[in-house]
Amino acid sequence: MVKGLKDRVRAKLPVSIAEIGDLERWQVATLGVSVVSNEAARCSEVLSHVASLAGGAHDALVADVATEIVSFGDGGSGIRGGIEQALDRGAFSDAGFDFPAGDEE
């Protein structure tokens, strides 16, 4: 049931979907879905369509839907941190990673 729903959602929509939560209880499934877009309205539209597909499943009951849209600002200007800042801080130097500065031979 869950695999079929995940396959249908993946086939129809540009999302990542996975079963999360308590995987030992076969009677209950919690699905996590993510979508990336440059417009929050598009994210809402796609996630709403996912909820509709899940609600239309014959052998399932959708008990709850929670949605969170995280905006990173225009052009990603609201992103704090990221790999560039981690490299600037030398965050990986203690971990044994070696990042060459350029094409040195």
C-alpha atoms as a PDB file:
ATOM      1  CA  MET A   1       0.000   0.000   0.000  1.00  0.00           C
ATOM      2  CA  VAL A   2       2.629   2.546   1.060  1.00  0.00           C
ATOM      3  CA  LYS A   3       5.091   1.591  -1.679  1.00  0.00           C
ATOM      4  CA  GLY A   4       2.350   1.914  -4.292  1.00  0.00           C
ATOM      5  CA  LEU A   5       1.394   5.369  -3.063  1.00  0.00           C
ATOM      6  CA  LYS A   6       5.019   6.498  -2.999  1.00  0.00           C
ATOM      7  CA  ASP A   7       5.530   5.201  -6.539  1.00  0.00           C
ATOM      8  CA  ARG A   8       2.386   6.993  -7.805  1.00  0.00           C
ATOM      9  CA  VAL A   9       3.414  10.269  -6.172  1.00  0.00           C
ATOM     10  CA  ARG A  10       6.953  10.055  -7.583  1.00  0.00           C
ATOM     11  CA  ALA A  11       5.632   9.261 -11.051  1.00  0.00           C
ATOM     12  CA  LYS A  12       3.257  12.242 -11.099  1.00  0.00           C
ATOM     13  CA  LEU A  13       5.039  14.941  -9.117  1.00  0.00           C
ATOM     14  CA  PRO A  14       8.547  16.395  -8.739  1.00  0.00           C
ATOM     15  CA  VAL A  15       8.993  15.420  -5.076  1.00  0.00           C
ATOM     16  CA  SER A  16      11.085  13.302  -2.766  1.00  0.00           C
ATOM     17  CA  ILE A  17       8.987  11.021  -0.577  1.00  0.00           C
ATOM     18  CA  ALA A  18       9.959   8.535   2.119  1.00  0.00           C
ATOM     19  CA  GLU A  19       8.362   6.583   4.915  1.00  0.00           C
ATOM     20  CA  ILE A  20       9.490   8.047   8.226  1.00  0.00           C
ATOM     21  CA  GLY A  21       8.536   7.521  11.847  1.00  0.00           C
ATOM     22  CA  ASP A  22       7.796   4.144  13.423  1.00  0.00           C
ATOM     23  CA  LEU A  23       8.596   1.633  10.700  1.00  0.00           C
ATOM     24  CA  GLU A  24       7.761  -1.349  12.923  1.00  0.00           C
ATOM     25  CA  ARG A  25       4.012  -0.612  13.018  1.00  0.00           C
ATOM     26  CA  TRP A  26       2.611  -1.826   9.712  1.00  0.00           C
ATOM     27  CA  GLN A  27      -0.866  -0.417  10.519  1.00  0.00           C
ATOM     28  CA  VAL A  28       0.394   3.191  10.546  1.00  0.00           C
ATOM     29  CA  ALA A  29       2.588   4.970   8.037  1.00  0.00           C
ATOM     30  CA  THR A  30       4.035   8.442   8.239  1.00  0.00           C
ATOM     31  CA  LEU A  31       5.342   9.874   4.992  1.00  0.00           C
ATOM     32  CA  GLY A  32       7.725  12.772   4.601  1.00  0.00           C
ATOM     33  CA  VAL A  33       7.552  14.706   1.354  1.00  0.00           C
ATOM     34  CA  SER A  34       9.838  17.464   0.138  1.00  0.00           C
ATOM     35  CA  VAL A  35       9.711  19.728  -2.863  1.00  0.00           C
ATOM     36  CA  VAL A  36      12.032  22.522  -3.958  1.00  0.00           C
ATOM     37  CA  SER A  37      10.929  25.502  -6.011  1.00  0.00           C
ATOM     38  CA  ASN A  38      11.749  29.159  -6.434  1.00  0.00           C
ATOM     39  CA  GLU A  39       8.118  30.002  -5.578  1.00  0.00           C
ATOM     40  CA  ALA A  40       6.352  29.179  -2.304  1.00  0.00           C
ATOM     41  CA  ALA A  41       3.020  29.001  -4.137  1.00  0.00           C
ATOM     42  CA  ARG A  42       4.354  26.206  -6.359  1.00  0.00           C
ATOM     43  CA  CYS A  43       5.507  24.267  -3.284  1.00  0.00           C
ATOM     44  CA  SER A  44       2.061  24.621  -1.731  1.00  0.00           C
ATOM     45  CA  GLU A  45       0.400  23.496  -4.955  1.00  0.00           C
ATOM     46  CA  VAL A  46       2.574  20.379  -5.277  1.00  0.00           C
ATOM     47  CA  LEU A  47       2.201  19.422  -1.602  1.00  0.00           C
ATOM     48  CA  SER A  48      -1.555  19.883  -1.844  1.00  0.00           C
ATOM     49  CA  HIS A  49      -1.612  17.536  -4.829  1.00  0.00           C
ATOM     50  CA  VAL A  50       0.373  14.959  -2.823  1.00  0.00           C
ATOM     51  CA  ALA A  51      -2.200  15.189  -0.014  1.00  0.00           C
ATOM     52  CA  SER A  52      -5.005  14.696  -2.552  1.00  0.00           C
ATOM     53  CA  LEU A  53      -3.329  11.596  -3.966  1.00  0.00           C
ATOM     54  CA  ALA A  54      -2.891  10.174  -0.459  1.00  0.00           C
ATOM     55  CA  GLY A  55      -6.492  11.006   0.428  1.00  0.00           C
ATOM     56  CA  GLY A  56      -7.685   9.178  -2.664  1.00  0.00           C
ATOM     57  CA  ALA A  57      -5.980   5.914  -1.705  1.00  0.00           C
ATOM     58  CA  HIS A  58      -8.655   3.271  -1.167  1.00  0.00           C
ATOM     59  CA  ASP A  59      -6.978   1.320   1.636  1.00  0.00           C
ATOM     60  CA  ALA A  60      -5.765   4.292   3.660  1.00  0.00           C
ATOM     61  CA  LEU A  61      -7.028   7.083   5.860  1.00  0.00           C
ATOM     62  CA  VAL A  62      -5.145  10.364   6.008  1.00  0.00           C
ATOM     63  CA  ALA A  63      -5.251  11.358   9.659  1.00  0.00           C
ATOM     64  CA  ASP A  64      -3.113  14.497   9.550  1.00  0.00           C
ATOM     65  CA  VAL A  65      -1.254  16.742   7.140  1.00  0.00           C
ATOM     66  CA  ALA A  66       1.356  19.263   8.243  1.00  0.00           C
ATOM     67  CA  THR A  67       3.104  21.598   5.827  1.00  0.00           C
ATOM     68  CA  GLU A  68       6.094  23.838   6.326  1.00  0.00           C
ATOM     69  CA  ILE A  69       7.557  26.053   3.643  1.00  0.00           C
ATOM     70  CA  VAL A  70      11.035  27.404   4.291  1.00  0.00           C
ATOM     71  CA  SER A  71      11.975  30.444   2.249  1.00  0.00           C
ATOM     72  CA  PHE A  72      15.622  31.311   1.703  1.00  0.00           C
ATOM     73  CA  GLY A  73      14.885  34.765   0.315  1.00  0.00           C
ATOM     74  CA  ASP A  74      15.427  36.218  -3.111  1.00  0.00           C
ATOM     75  CA  GLY A  75      18.290  34.408  -4.788  1.00  0.00           C
ATOM     76  CA  GLY A  76      19.040  32.456  -1.616  1.00  0.00           C
ATOM     77  CA  SER A  77      20.002  35.657   0.228  1.00  0.00           C
ATOM     78  CA  GLY A  78      18.450  34.357   3.446  1.00  0.00           C
ATOM     79  CA  ILE A  79      20.622  31.250   3.699  1.00  0.00           C
ATOM     80  CA  ARG A  80      22.703  31.325   6.845  1.00  0.00           C
ATOM     81  CA  GLY A  81      25.807  29.228   6.859  1.00  0.00           C
ATOM     82  CA  GLY A  82      26.256  26.814   4.035  1.00  0.00           C
ATOM     83  CA  ILE A  83      29.337  25.079   2.746  1.00  0.00           C
ATOM     84  CA  GLU A  84      31.062  28.305   1.668  1.00  0.00           C
ATOM     85  CA  GLN A  85      30.964  29.798   5.164  1.00  0.00           C
ATOM     86  CA  ALA A  86      31.976  26.479   6.723  1.00  0.00           C
ATOM     87  CA  LEU A  87      35.029  26.398   4.461  1.00  0.00           C
ATOM     88  CA  ASP A  88      35.840  30.015   5.304  1.00  0.00           C
ATOM     89  CA  ARG A  89      35.754  29.140   9.020  1.00  0.00           C
ATOM     90  CA  GLY A  90      38.033  26.146   8.435  1.00  0.00           C
ATOM     91  CA  ALA A  91      35.334  23.813   9.766  1.00  0.00           C
ATOM     92  CA  PHE A  92      36.707  20.853   7.843  1.00  0.00           C
ATOM     93  CA  SER A  93      40.411  21.271   8.614  1.00  0.00           C
ATOM     94  CA  ASP A  94      40.176  19.341  11.892  1.00  0.00           C
ATOM     95  CA  ALA A  95      38.251  16.513  10.247  1.00  0.00           C
ATOM     96  CA  GLY A  96      41.159  15.556   8.003  1.00  0.00           C
ATOM     97  CA  PHE A  97      39.664  16.879   4.765  1.00  0.00           C
ATOM     98  CA  ASP A  98      42.117  18.345   2.312  1.00  0.00           C
ATOM     99  CA  PHE A  99      40.705  20.967  -0.032  1.00  0.00           C
ATOM    100  CA  PRO A 100      43.295  22.062  -2.607  1.00  0.00           C
ATOM    101  CA  ALA A 101      43.445  25.798  -3.253  1.00  0.00           C
ATOM    102  CA  GLY A 102      43.833  25.453  -7.006  1.00  0.00           C
ATOM    103  CA  ASP A 103      45.472  23.563  -9.835  1.00  0.00           C
ATOM    104  CA  GLU A 104      48.841  23.073  -8.202  1.00  0.00           C
ATOM    105  CA  GLU A 105      51.099  20.428  -9.720  1.00  0.00           C
END
